[in-house]
Amino acid sequence: MKLNLTTGLVPTLNVSAALIAFVVLRCWTQALGRLGIASRPFTRQENTVVQTCAVACYSIARTYEMAGEDTEGNVPGSYKEPGIAWMTGFLLAVSFVGLLALVPLRKVMIIDYKLTYPSGTATAVLINGFHTPHGDAMAKQQVNGFTKYFAMSFFWSFFQWFYSGGDNCGFSQFPTFGLKAWQQTFFFDFSLTYVGAGMICSHLVNLSLLLGAFLSWGVMWPLISDLKGNCRHTRKQHEKPARIQGEDILVLDELHRNEVFARDNIPSWLAYTGLTDINMAYNYGKVALFILAAWAGKDSGVVAGLVGCGLVKSLVSISADLMHDFKTGHLTLTSPRSMIIAQAIGTVMGCIISPLTFLLFYNAFDIGNPEGYWKAPYALVYRNMAILGVEGFSALPQHCLQLCYGFFGFAVAANLMRDLCPAKYSRWVPLPMAMGVPFLVGASFAIDMCIGSLIVFTWHMIDKNKAALMVPAVASGLICGDGLWIFPASLLALAKISPPMCMAFRSTH
């Protein structure tokens, strides 16, 4: 939720979920053993089922920022303030349709076409590694690494809180490269969440983010800062995170895997409630947004477009995420029926936990403020797209359309080069989608992500085998520790307890 509301850039956390599931359940079974309570050995199939449930739960996290009548595009009666009851009901109504969308294609896509599904494969590599004769020693190292960096991240966030008693205060506003660079958001904000996310993401993604930061906050925004009065600014929005996938390869006994994967049939009348093939959630959501916004008109078109967009993206994204879990189940010999049940349980949990978590953030922090820390950046994108769908090109600032054409052409050309050029050249082509994120949220998080990437690169240079084993554990610990601190920080904010100090910097000239 923190990643959603600050940068909108969320790496695929399947590997982290599998690791945390292993840590918790292995500690639980060991504790039972010490108490004299007999329990069966913890298997990789159980690890896969719990990981599937956890991924289904966190995947429900969304933002529901639909502001009052002072926000452009909202008229009285067209919006609804966030509330636990109606948000939970809405999620329960829409989340289970996507759950069954790709079920009829699981055998074709995974067994017949042998599609890689990189995140699902990487998760299976980790789980199978835990449950081998040599896996206990490896798992012990990863558990120790996770625990160590989890504690370090949590207490570092706790320490930072004491110095953040005001606007632009604390380590998160430390002018690492000087005040001039700080004004353009070029600084290291000491966020271990983003450092951990950078360790999970590929080097290409992180370097693309940094390139986008230099292009936007280093070149474009300084050049057009004097034209701010001609630009459209909105305050409250609706958001959807970007997703980034991991990659790995695993070889197991093909016939046995296929037999286990195909033996549990799901009734066709239930499975064929929907069909799709790849995660096109963003594209389908945008199409729905433009159609509904234009159809509903100026009175309620913005809100109608955002609701339709969120609905379509939810359906498609959930079904695509399940296919990654099916790939993990295929490689770990886990029953698909068990995974469907786990996904359903996780979805119900997410439908309840996500609104509660969001309202905790919503009441404790200034969510949706473009000038603040909790920007919900993709909310700005989708709200302005909805306004564009209602008002047409006349809603755009001067020369905006020409810039759109230029960057659209660059994105198409870059993706064509990545698909058509030989691998030795295409791997150096930046990712346009990643480059676009710093335009919205600033350059500081791109620097954090690149520091994470630098840590991984250096670690691989020093000890490649150790790095391959420990990077997922360390990254997960950094993300979870910083994320856990948000809960007590939110409670302190709700109780009107402010940090005692403000650490800030100003020029002496």
Protein backbone atom coordinates (compact mmCIF):
# COMPACT_ATOMS: atom_id res chain seq x y z
CA MET A 1 0.00 0.00 0.00
CA LYS A 2 2.87 2.38 0.78
CA LEU A 3 4.43 1.76 -2.63
CA ASN A 4 1.06 2.29 -4.31
CA LEU A 5 0.47 5.62 -2.59
CA THR A 6 3.97 7.07 -2.97
CA THR A 7 5.42 6.03 -6.35
CA GLY A 8 2.82 3.75 -7.92
CA LEU A 9 5.70 1.48 -8.93
CA VAL A 10 5.25 -1.95 -7.33
CA PRO A 11 7.63 -4.82 -8.14
CA THR A 12 6.22 -8.32 -8.27
CA LEU A 13 6.48 -9.59 -4.70
CA ASN A 14 5.81 -13.30 -5.33
CA VAL A 15 9.36 -14.24 -4.31
CA SER A 16 9.15 -12.15 -1.14
CA ALA A 17 5.78 -13.70 -0.28
CA ALA A 18 7.20 -17.21 -0.71
CA LEU A 19 10.18 -16.37 1.49
CA ILE A 20 8.08 -14.83 4.26
CA ALA A 21 5.64 -17.76 4.13
CA PHE A 22 8.55 -20.17 4.54
CA VAL A 23 10.03 -18.17 7.43
CA VAL A 24 6.75 -17.94 9.34
CA LEU A 25 5.61 -21.53 8.86
CA ARG A 26 9.03 -23.09 9.46
CA CYS A 27 9.34 -21.13 12.72
CA TRP A 28 5.79 -22.20 13.64
CA THR A 29 6.45 -25.91 13.05
CA GLN A 30 9.74 -25.70 14.98
CA ALA A 31 7.97 -23.98 17.88
CA LEU A 32 5.33 -26.73 17.93
CA GLY A 33 8.07 -29.35 17.98
CA ARG A 34 9.76 -27.76 20.98
CA LEU A 35 6.42 -27.73 22.80
CA GLY A 36 6.06 -31.46 22.19
CA ILE A 37 3.23 -31.10 19.68
CA ALA A 38 3.64 -33.43 16.71
CA SER A 39 3.22 -31.91 13.26
CA ARG A 40 3.81 -33.04 9.70
CA PRO A 41 6.88 -31.74 7.83
CA PHE A 42 6.36 -28.43 6.04
CA THR A 43 6.23 -29.22 2.29
CA ARG A 44 6.85 -27.15 -0.83
CA GLN A 45 3.22 -27.64 -1.86
CA GLU A 46 2.07 -26.00 1.37
CA ASN A 47 4.60 -23.22 0.81
CA THR A 48 3.17 -22.62 -2.67
CA VAL A 49 -0.43 -22.55 -1.44
CA VAL A 50 0.36 -20.04 1.32
CA GLN A 51 2.33 -17.87 -1.13
CA THR A 52 -0.62 -17.89 -3.53
CA CYS A 53 -2.96 -16.81 -0.74
CA ALA A 54 -0.62 -13.99 0.31
CA VAL A 55 -0.18 -12.70 -3.25
CA ALA A 56 -3.95 -12.72 -3.78
CA CYS A 57 -4.37 -10.70 -0.59
CA TYR A 58 -1.84 -7.96 -1.34
CA SER A 59 -2.88 -7.74 -5.00
CA ILE A 60 -6.25 -6.32 -3.96
CA ALA A 61 -4.56 -3.15 -2.65
CA ARG A 62 -5.78 -0.11 -4.60
CA THR A 63 -6.44 3.55 -3.87
CA TYR A 64 -9.95 4.92 -3.81
CA GLU A 65 -9.24 8.65 -3.94
CA MET A 66 -12.39 10.33 -5.29
CA ALA A 67 -12.38 13.78 -3.81
CA GLY A 68 -15.16 16.21 -3.01
CA GLU A 69 -16.79 18.77 -5.23
CA ASP A 70 -13.75 21.08 -5.13
CA THR A 71 -11.84 18.62 -7.30
CA GLU A 72 -12.13 19.14 -11.02
CA GLY A 73 -14.50 16.69 -12.70
CA ASN A 74 -16.52 15.95 -9.56
CA VAL A 75 -19.97 17.42 -9.16
CA PRO A 76 -22.27 17.06 -6.13
CA GLY A 77 -23.76 13.58 -6.05
CA SER A 78 -21.21 12.04 -8.42
CA TYR A 79 -18.68 10.98 -5.81
CA LYS A 80 -18.64 8.87 -2.66
CA GLU A 81 -16.37 9.29 0.32
CA PRO A 82 -14.25 6.24 1.23
CA GLY A 83 -15.88 3.89 3.73
CA ILE A 84 -15.20 0.36 4.93
CA ALA A 85 -18.64 -1.08 4.17
CA TRP A 86 -19.15 0.00 0.57
CA MET A 87 -15.50 -0.50 -0.45
CA THR A 88 -15.46 -4.03 0.97
CA GLY A 89 -18.73 -4.83 -0.80
CA PHE A 90 -17.46 -3.41 -4.08
CA LEU A 91 -14.26 -5.47 -3.92
CA LEU A 92 -16.14 -8.65 -3.07
CA ALA A 93 -18.45 -8.01 -6.02
CA VAL A 94 -15.72 -7.53 -8.64
CA SER A 95 -12.66 -9.49 -7.49
CA PHE A 96 -13.92 -13.05 -8.00
CA VAL A 97 -14.76 -12.66 -11.69
CA GLY A 98 -11.10 -12.23 -12.62
CA LEU A 99 -10.20 -15.19 -10.43
CA LEU A 100 -11.64 -17.66 -12.95
CA ALA A 101 -10.83 -15.89 -16.20
CA LEU A 102 -7.68 -17.78 -17.24
CA VAL A 103 -8.44 -21.16 -15.65
CA PRO A 104 -9.50 -22.86 -18.92
CA LEU A 105 -6.23 -21.83 -20.57
CA ARG A 106 -3.87 -23.03 -17.85
CA LYS A 107 -3.01 -26.36 -19.53
CA VAL A 108 -2.58 -24.84 -22.99
CA MET A 109 -0.38 -21.96 -21.88
CA ILE A 110 1.79 -23.74 -19.30
CA ILE A 111 2.05 -27.33 -20.59
CA ASP A 112 1.49 -27.03 -24.35
CA TYR A 113 3.05 -23.63 -25.09
CA LYS A 114 5.56 -23.89 -22.20
CA LEU A 115 5.33 -20.16 -21.49
CA THR A 116 7.97 -18.97 -19.04
CA TYR A 117 5.98 -16.72 -16.65
CA PRO A 118 9.24 -15.38 -15.17
CA SER A 119 7.92 -14.37 -11.74
CA GLY A 120 6.15 -17.70 -11.24
CA THR A 121 9.26 -19.58 -12.33
CA ALA A 122 11.54 -17.56 -10.04
CA THR A 123 9.20 -18.22 -7.11
CA ALA A 124 9.24 -21.96 -7.83
CA VAL A 125 13.05 -21.91 -7.93
CA LEU A 126 13.12 -20.40 -4.45
CA ILE A 127 10.49 -22.76 -2.99
CA ASN A 128 12.08 -25.89 -4.47
CA GLY A 129 15.45 -24.73 -3.12
CA PHE A 130 14.01 -24.49 0.39
CA HIS A 131 12.68 -28.05 0.32
CA THR A 132 15.75 -30.00 -0.85
CA PRO A 133 18.23 -32.02 1.24
CA HIS A 134 20.61 -29.04 1.14
CA GLY A 135 17.80 -26.52 1.48
CA ASP A 136 17.81 -26.31 5.28
CA ALA A 137 21.24 -24.69 5.43
CA MET A 138 20.34 -22.27 2.66
CA ALA A 139 17.00 -21.50 4.24
CA LYS A 140 18.64 -20.83 7.60
CA GLN A 141 20.95 -18.26 6.01
CA GLN A 142 18.01 -16.58 4.28
CA VAL A 143 15.91 -16.54 7.45
CA ASN A 144 18.77 -14.98 9.40
CA GLY A 145 19.35 -12.43 6.65
CA PHE A 146 15.67 -11.57 6.44
CA THR A 147 15.35 -11.17 10.22
CA LYS A 148 18.49 -9.05 10.49
CA TYR A 149 17.56 -6.59 7.75
CA PHE A 150 13.90 -6.53 8.77
CA ALA A 151 14.90 -5.37 12.26
CA MET A 152 17.42 -2.89 10.87
CA SER A 153 14.87 -1.39 8.48
CA PHE A 154 12.18 -1.13 11.16
CA PHE A 155 14.39 0.60 13.73
CA TRP A 156 15.90 2.89 11.10
CA SER A 157 12.39 4.06 10.15
CA PHE A 158 11.60 4.49 13.85
CA PHE A 159 14.76 6.59 14.30
CA GLN A 160 13.93 8.77 11.28
CA TRP A 161 10.48 9.56 12.68
CA PHE A 162 11.94 11.65 15.54
CA TYR A 163 13.37 14.18 13.05
CA SER A 164 10.34 14.57 10.77
CA GLY A 165 8.25 17.01 12.83
CA GLY A 166 7.14 19.36 10.05
CA ASP A 167 7.01 19.99 6.32
CA ASN A 168 10.22 19.15 4.43
CA CYS A 169 11.82 17.77 7.59
CA GLY A 170 13.80 14.65 8.34
CA PHE A 171 16.18 12.33 6.56
CA SER A 172 13.64 11.92 3.74
CA GLN A 173 14.47 15.52 2.74
CA PHE A 174 18.26 15.30 3.15
CA PRO A 175 19.98 17.40 0.41
CA THR A 176 22.51 14.71 -0.51
CA PHE A 177 23.76 16.50 -3.64
CA GLY A 178 23.20 20.07 -2.47
CA LEU A 179 20.19 22.35 -2.11
CA LYS A 180 19.96 23.15 -5.82
CA ALA A 181 19.68 19.47 -6.68
CA TRP A 182 17.28 18.97 -3.76
CA GLN A 183 14.92 21.57 -5.23
CA GLN A 184 14.74 19.40 -8.36
CA THR A 185 14.14 16.27 -6.19
CA PHE A 186 17.65 14.87 -6.79
CA PHE A 187 18.55 13.49 -3.36
CA PHE A 188 18.74 10.20 -1.46
CA ASP A 189 15.76 10.06 0.91
CA PHE A 190 17.02 7.11 3.01
CA SER A 191 13.93 5.02 2.21
CA LEU A 192 14.90 1.38 2.65
CA THR A 193 11.63 0.32 1.00
CA TYR A 194 12.80 1.69 -2.34
CA VAL A 195 16.33 0.38 -1.85
CA GLY A 196 14.83 -3.09 -1.32
CA ALA A 197 12.56 -2.67 -4.33
CA GLY A 198 15.59 -1.68 -6.39
CA MET A 199 17.33 -4.89 -5.32
CA ILE A 200 14.39 -6.92 -6.63
CA CYS A 201 13.98 -5.03 -9.91
CA SER A 202 16.37 -5.54 -12.80
CA HIS A 203 19.26 -3.18 -13.53
CA LEU A 204 17.54 -2.11 -16.75
CA VAL A 205 14.41 -1.02 -14.92
CA ASN A 206 16.37 1.00 -12.37
CA LEU A 207 18.58 2.66 -14.98
CA SER A 208 15.49 3.49 -17.04
CA LEU A 209 14.02 5.17 -13.97
CA LEU A 210 17.19 7.20 -13.50
CA LEU A 211 17.23 8.19 -17.17
CA GLY A 212 13.61 9.32 -16.89
CA ALA A 213 14.51 11.32 -13.77
CA PHE A 214 17.31 13.16 -15.59
CA LEU A 215 15.09 13.81 -18.60
CA SER A 216 12.18 15.14 -16.54
CA TRP A 217 13.55 16.84 -13.43
CA GLY A 218 16.98 17.56 -14.87
CA VAL A 219 15.92 18.94 -18.25
CA MET A 220 12.20 19.37 -18.90
CA TRP A 221 10.77 20.76 -15.65
CA PRO A 222 13.50 23.42 -15.26
CA LEU A 223 12.88 24.54 -18.85
CA ILE A 224 9.09 24.78 -18.53
CA SER A 225 8.88 25.95 -14.90
CA ASP A 226 8.06 29.48 -16.07
CA LEU A 227 5.02 28.13 -17.96
CA LYS A 228 3.37 26.61 -14.88
CA GLY A 229 0.35 28.86 -15.18
CA ASN A 230 -0.59 27.21 -18.48
CA CYS A 231 -0.65 23.69 -17.05
CA ARG A 232 -3.53 21.82 -15.48
CA HIS A 233 -3.15 20.75 -11.84
CA THR A 234 -5.47 18.42 -9.95
CA ARG A 235 -5.28 17.35 -6.34
CA LYS A 236 -7.19 14.12 -5.83
CA GLN A 237 -7.08 11.15 -8.09
CA HIS A 238 -7.40 7.42 -8.75
CA GLU A 239 -4.41 5.16 -9.06
CA LYS A 240 -3.08 1.84 -10.33
CA PRO A 241 0.40 0.51 -9.72
CA ALA A 242 2.81 -0.50 -12.34
CA ARG A 243 4.14 -3.98 -12.21
CA ILE A 244 7.62 -5.32 -12.76
CA GLN A 245 8.46 -8.97 -13.31
CA GLY A 246 11.43 -11.10 -12.18
CA GLU A 247 13.14 -13.86 -14.17
CA ASP A 248 14.74 -17.31 -13.69
CA ILE A 249 14.78 -20.84 -15.15
CA LEU A 250 13.98 -24.22 -13.61
CA VAL A 251 14.07 -27.77 -15.01
CA LEU A 252 12.14 -30.61 -13.29
CA ASP A 253 10.61 -33.93 -14.31
CA GLU A 254 8.27 -32.79 -17.11
CA LEU A 255 5.90 -35.74 -17.21
CA HIS A 256 5.30 -35.83 -13.45
CA ARG A 257 4.70 -32.09 -13.32
CA ASN A 258 2.20 -32.23 -16.16
CA GLU A 259 0.36 -35.15 -14.59
CA VAL A 260 -0.03 -33.42 -11.23
CA PHE A 261 -0.97 -30.13 -12.86
CA ALA A 262 -3.64 -31.60 -15.14
CA ARG A 263 -5.25 -34.17 -12.87
CA ASP A 264 -7.48 -31.77 -10.89
CA ASN A 265 -10.25 -30.68 -13.21
CA ILE A 266 -12.27 -27.53 -12.59
CA PRO A 267 -15.83 -27.63 -13.95
CA SER A 268 -16.01 -26.04 -17.41
CA TRP A 269 -19.23 -24.19 -16.61
CA LEU A 270 -17.34 -22.42 -13.82
CA ALA A 271 -14.07 -21.94 -15.65
CA TYR A 272 -15.48 -20.42 -18.82
CA THR A 273 -16.91 -17.37 -17.06
CA GLY A 274 -14.15 -15.39 -18.73
CA LEU A 275 -11.20 -15.70 -21.11
CA THR A 276 -8.06 -13.63 -21.62
CA ASP A 277 -4.46 -14.37 -22.29
CA ILE A 278 -1.87 -11.86 -21.02
CA ASN A 279 -1.88 -9.06 -18.48
CA MET A 280 -3.35 -6.23 -20.52
CA ALA A 281 -5.02 -4.68 -17.48
CA TYR A 282 -3.72 -1.18 -18.07
CA ASN A 283 -4.64 -1.14 -21.75
CA TYR A 284 -8.13 -2.51 -21.23
CA GLY A 285 -8.65 -0.15 -18.30
CA LYS A 286 -7.70 2.88 -20.39
CA VAL A 287 -10.06 1.86 -23.19
CA ALA A 288 -12.90 1.50 -20.68
CA LEU A 289 -11.99 4.84 -19.11
CA PHE A 290 -12.19 6.79 -22.38
CA ILE A 291 -15.40 5.09 -23.51
CA LEU A 292 -17.26 5.58 -20.22
CA ALA A 293 -15.97 9.12 -19.66
CA ALA A 294 -17.07 10.23 -23.13
CA TRP A 295 -20.42 8.42 -22.85
CA ALA A 296 -21.33 9.78 -19.39
CA GLY A 297 -20.66 13.41 -20.33
CA LYS A 298 -19.37 16.36 -18.32
CA ASP A 299 -21.63 15.99 -15.30
CA SER A 300 -20.28 12.65 -14.09
CA GLY A 301 -18.00 11.42 -16.87
CA VAL A 302 -14.77 11.69 -14.90
CA VAL A 303 -15.98 9.60 -11.98
CA ALA A 304 -17.76 7.10 -14.25
CA GLY A 305 -14.62 6.65 -16.33
CA LEU A 306 -12.45 6.11 -13.26
CA VAL A 307 -14.85 3.56 -11.78
CA GLY A 308 -15.05 1.62 -15.05
CA CYS A 309 -11.29 1.75 -15.49
CA GLY A 310 -10.70 0.42 -11.98
CA LEU A 311 -13.23 -2.34 -12.49
CA VAL A 312 -11.73 -3.57 -15.77
CA LYS A 313 -8.15 -3.39 -14.49
CA SER A 314 -9.10 -5.33 -11.38
CA LEU A 315 -10.69 -8.13 -13.38
CA VAL A 316 -7.82 -8.50 -15.85
CA SER A 317 -4.97 -8.04 -13.37
CA ILE A 318 -6.25 -10.67 -10.91
CA SER A 319 -6.63 -13.26 -13.66
CA ALA A 320 -3.15 -12.58 -15.01
CA ASP A 321 -1.56 -12.77 -11.55
CA LEU A 322 -3.16 -16.18 -11.03
CA MET A 323 -1.35 -17.55 -14.08
CA HIS A 324 2.01 -16.76 -12.47
CA ASP A 325 0.87 -18.70 -9.42
CA PHE A 326 -0.24 -21.59 -11.65
CA LYS A 327 3.26 -21.66 -13.14
CA THR A 328 4.70 -21.85 -9.63
CA GLY A 329 2.27 -24.66 -8.80
CA HIS A 330 3.23 -26.52 -11.97
CA LEU A 331 6.92 -26.45 -11.05
CA THR A 332 6.35 -27.40 -7.39
CA LEU A 333 3.85 -30.21 -8.06
CA THR A 334 1.02 -28.36 -6.32
CA SER A 335 -2.63 -29.14 -7.01
CA PRO A 336 -4.31 -26.40 -9.11
CA ARG A 337 -7.53 -26.92 -7.15
CA SER A 338 -5.69 -26.15 -3.91
CA MET A 339 -4.26 -23.02 -5.50
CA ILE A 340 -7.69 -21.84 -6.66
CA ILE A 341 -9.01 -22.27 -3.12
CA ALA A 342 -5.98 -20.45 -1.69
CA GLN A 343 -6.45 -17.64 -4.21
CA ALA A 344 -10.12 -17.34 -3.22
CA ILE A 345 -9.25 -17.21 0.49
CA GLY A 346 -6.56 -14.60 -0.16
CA THR A 347 -8.97 -12.55 -2.25
CA VAL A 348 -11.53 -12.49 0.56
CA MET A 349 -8.83 -11.46 3.01
CA GLY A 350 -7.65 -8.72 0.66
CA CYS A 351 -11.19 -7.41 0.18
CA ILE A 352 -11.39 -6.88 3.95
CA ILE A 353 -7.81 -5.88 4.80
CA SER A 354 -7.20 -3.46 1.90
CA PRO A 355 -10.04 -1.02 2.74
CA LEU A 356 -9.01 -1.06 6.40
CA THR A 357 -5.39 -0.37 5.49
CA PHE A 358 -6.31 2.34 3.01
CA LEU A 359 -8.55 4.14 5.50
CA LEU A 360 -5.73 4.03 8.05
CA PHE A 361 -3.49 5.82 5.53
CA TYR A 362 -6.33 8.08 4.37
CA ASN A 363 -7.09 9.35 7.87
CA ALA A 364 -3.48 9.59 9.07
CA PHE A 365 -1.74 11.16 6.06
CA ASP A 366 -2.40 13.67 3.28
CA ILE A 367 -3.16 11.16 0.55
CA GLY A 368 -3.29 12.43 -3.04
CA ASN A 369 -1.46 15.73 -2.55
CA PRO A 370 0.87 16.17 -5.59
CA GLU A 371 3.21 18.33 -3.50
CA GLY A 372 3.39 15.91 -0.57
CA TYR A 373 4.96 12.53 0.13
CA TRP A 374 1.79 10.48 -0.49
CA LYS A 375 1.23 11.57 -4.10
CA ALA A 376 -0.65 8.54 -5.44
CA PRO A 377 0.96 9.47 -8.78
CA TYR A 378 -0.91 7.22 -11.17
CA ALA A 379 -4.07 8.76 -9.78
CA LEU A 380 -3.02 11.99 -11.47
CA VAL A 381 -2.51 10.18 -14.77
CA TYR A 382 -5.85 8.40 -14.81
CA ARG A 383 -7.85 11.39 -13.57
CA ASN A 384 -6.39 13.62 -16.29
CA MET A 385 -7.08 10.89 -18.85
CA ALA A 386 -10.71 10.87 -17.69
CA ILE A 387 -10.88 14.68 -17.98
CA LEU A 388 -9.44 14.35 -21.48
CA GLY A 389 -12.11 11.78 -22.33
CA VAL A 390 -14.82 14.20 -21.21
CA GLU A 391 -13.51 17.49 -22.59
CA GLY A 392 -11.39 16.36 -25.53
CA PHE A 393 -8.06 17.85 -26.60
CA SER A 394 -9.21 21.34 -25.62
CA ALA A 395 -8.47 20.41 -22.00
CA LEU A 396 -4.73 20.10 -22.71
CA PRO A 397 -2.19 22.91 -22.16
CA GLN A 398 -0.48 24.60 -25.10
CA HIS A 399 1.95 22.36 -27.05
CA CYS A 400 1.01 19.39 -24.84
CA LEU A 401 -0.31 17.36 -27.78
CA GLN A 402 2.93 17.80 -29.73
CA LEU A 403 4.92 16.58 -26.73
CA CYS A 404 2.56 13.60 -26.41
CA TYR A 405 3.14 12.69 -30.06
CA GLY A 406 6.91 12.89 -29.61
CA PHE A 407 7.08 10.75 -26.48
CA PHE A 408 4.54 8.29 -27.89
CA GLY A 409 6.72 7.84 -30.96
CA PHE A 410 9.80 7.35 -28.79
CA ALA A 411 8.02 4.69 -26.70
CA VAL A 412 6.90 2.77 -29.80
CA ALA A 413 10.37 2.95 -31.35
CA ALA A 414 12.06 1.83 -28.13
CA ASN A 415 9.77 -1.18 -27.75
CA LEU A 416 10.24 -2.15 -31.40
CA MET A 417 14.00 -2.02 -30.92
CA ARG A 418 13.74 -4.23 -27.84
CA ASP A 419 11.66 -6.79 -29.76
CA LEU A 420 13.48 -6.78 -33.11
CA CYS A 421 17.15 -6.08 -32.39
CA PRO A 422 19.62 -8.80 -31.37
CA ALA A 423 19.84 -9.42 -27.64
CA LYS A 424 23.29 -7.85 -27.30
CA TYR A 425 21.78 -4.52 -28.43
CA SER A 426 18.19 -4.73 -27.20
CA ARG A 427 19.23 -5.24 -23.57
CA TRP A 428 20.59 -1.68 -23.55
CA VAL A 429 17.34 -0.08 -24.77
CA PRO A 430 15.59 1.71 -21.85
CA LEU A 431 12.03 0.88 -20.81
CA PRO A 432 9.70 3.78 -21.72
CA MET A 433 7.13 2.90 -19.04
CA ALA A 434 9.78 2.98 -16.31
CA MET A 435 11.16 6.24 -17.67
CA GLY A 436 7.74 7.86 -17.31
CA VAL A 437 7.34 7.23 -13.56
CA PRO A 438 9.84 9.90 -12.33
CA PHE A 439 7.95 12.53 -14.34
CA LEU A 440 5.17 12.12 -11.77
CA VAL A 441 6.89 11.35 -8.47
CA GLY A 442 10.31 13.02 -8.66
CA ALA A 443 13.86 11.78 -8.99
CA SER A 444 14.58 10.78 -5.38
CA PHE A 445 13.00 7.34 -5.51
CA ALA A 446 14.86 6.56 -8.76
CA ILE A 447 18.10 7.28 -6.90
CA ASP A 448 16.99 4.94 -4.09
CA MET A 449 16.21 2.19 -6.60
CA CYS A 450 19.57 2.61 -8.33
CA ILE A 451 21.34 2.35 -4.97
CA GLY A 452 19.57 -0.99 -4.51
CA SER A 453 20.70 -2.02 -7.98
CA LEU A 454 24.28 -0.93 -7.18
CA ILE A 455 24.25 -3.05 -4.01
CA VAL A 456 23.17 -6.11 -6.01
CA PHE A 457 25.76 -5.46 -8.75
CA THR A 458 28.58 -5.06 -6.23
CA TRP A 459 27.46 -8.11 -4.26
CA HIS A 460 27.45 -10.23 -7.43
CA MET A 461 30.95 -9.01 -8.28
CA ILE A 462 32.24 -10.00 -4.81
CA ASP A 463 30.38 -13.30 -4.29
CA LYS A 464 27.92 -14.31 -7.00
CA ASN A 465 26.60 -17.43 -5.27
CA LYS A 466 26.06 -15.67 -1.95
CA ALA A 467 24.31 -12.79 -3.69
CA ALA A 468 21.96 -15.09 -5.60
CA LEU A 469 21.00 -16.72 -2.30
CA MET A 470 20.66 -13.64 -0.09
CA VAL A 471 19.40 -10.78 -2.30
CA PRO A 472 15.70 -11.82 -2.13
CA ALA A 473 15.91 -12.25 1.65
CA VAL A 474 17.68 -8.93 2.27
CA ALA A 475 15.37 -7.02 -0.08
CA SER A 476 12.29 -8.55 1.53
CA GLY A 477 13.57 -7.64 4.98
CA LEU A 478 14.18 -4.02 3.98
CA ILE A 479 10.72 -3.67 2.43
CA CYS A 480 8.85 -5.40 5.25
CA GLY A 481 10.64 -3.60 8.09
CA ASP A 482 10.02 -0.14 6.67
CA GLY A 483 6.47 -1.11 5.73
CA LEU A 484 5.69 -2.41 9.21
CA TRP A 485 6.72 0.92 10.78
CA ILE A 486 3.93 2.63 8.82
CA PHE A 487 1.37 1.01 11.14
CA PRO A 488 2.62 2.54 14.42
CA ALA A 489 3.39 5.79 12.57
CA SER A 490 -0.23 5.92 11.39
CA LEU A 491 -1.52 5.30 14.91
CA LEU A 492 0.70 8.09 16.24
CA ALA A 493 -0.60 10.46 13.56
CA LEU A 494 -4.22 9.54 14.35
CA ALA A 495 -3.51 10.22 18.03
CA LYS A 496 -2.13 13.68 17.09
CA ILE A 497 1.33 12.77 18.40
CA SER A 498 3.92 14.62 16.32
CA PRO A 499 7.66 13.96 16.08
CA PRO A 500 9.59 16.08 18.60
CA MET A 501 12.17 17.52 16.19
CA CYS A 502 12.46 18.93 12.67
CA MET A 503 15.73 18.44 10.83
CA ALA A 504 15.80 20.77 7.83
CA PHE A 505 18.40 22.55 5.71
CA ARG A 506 18.59 26.06 4.29
CA SER A 507 21.11 28.00 2.27
CA THR A 508 23.55 30.27 4.11
CA HIS A 509 23.62 32.70 1.18
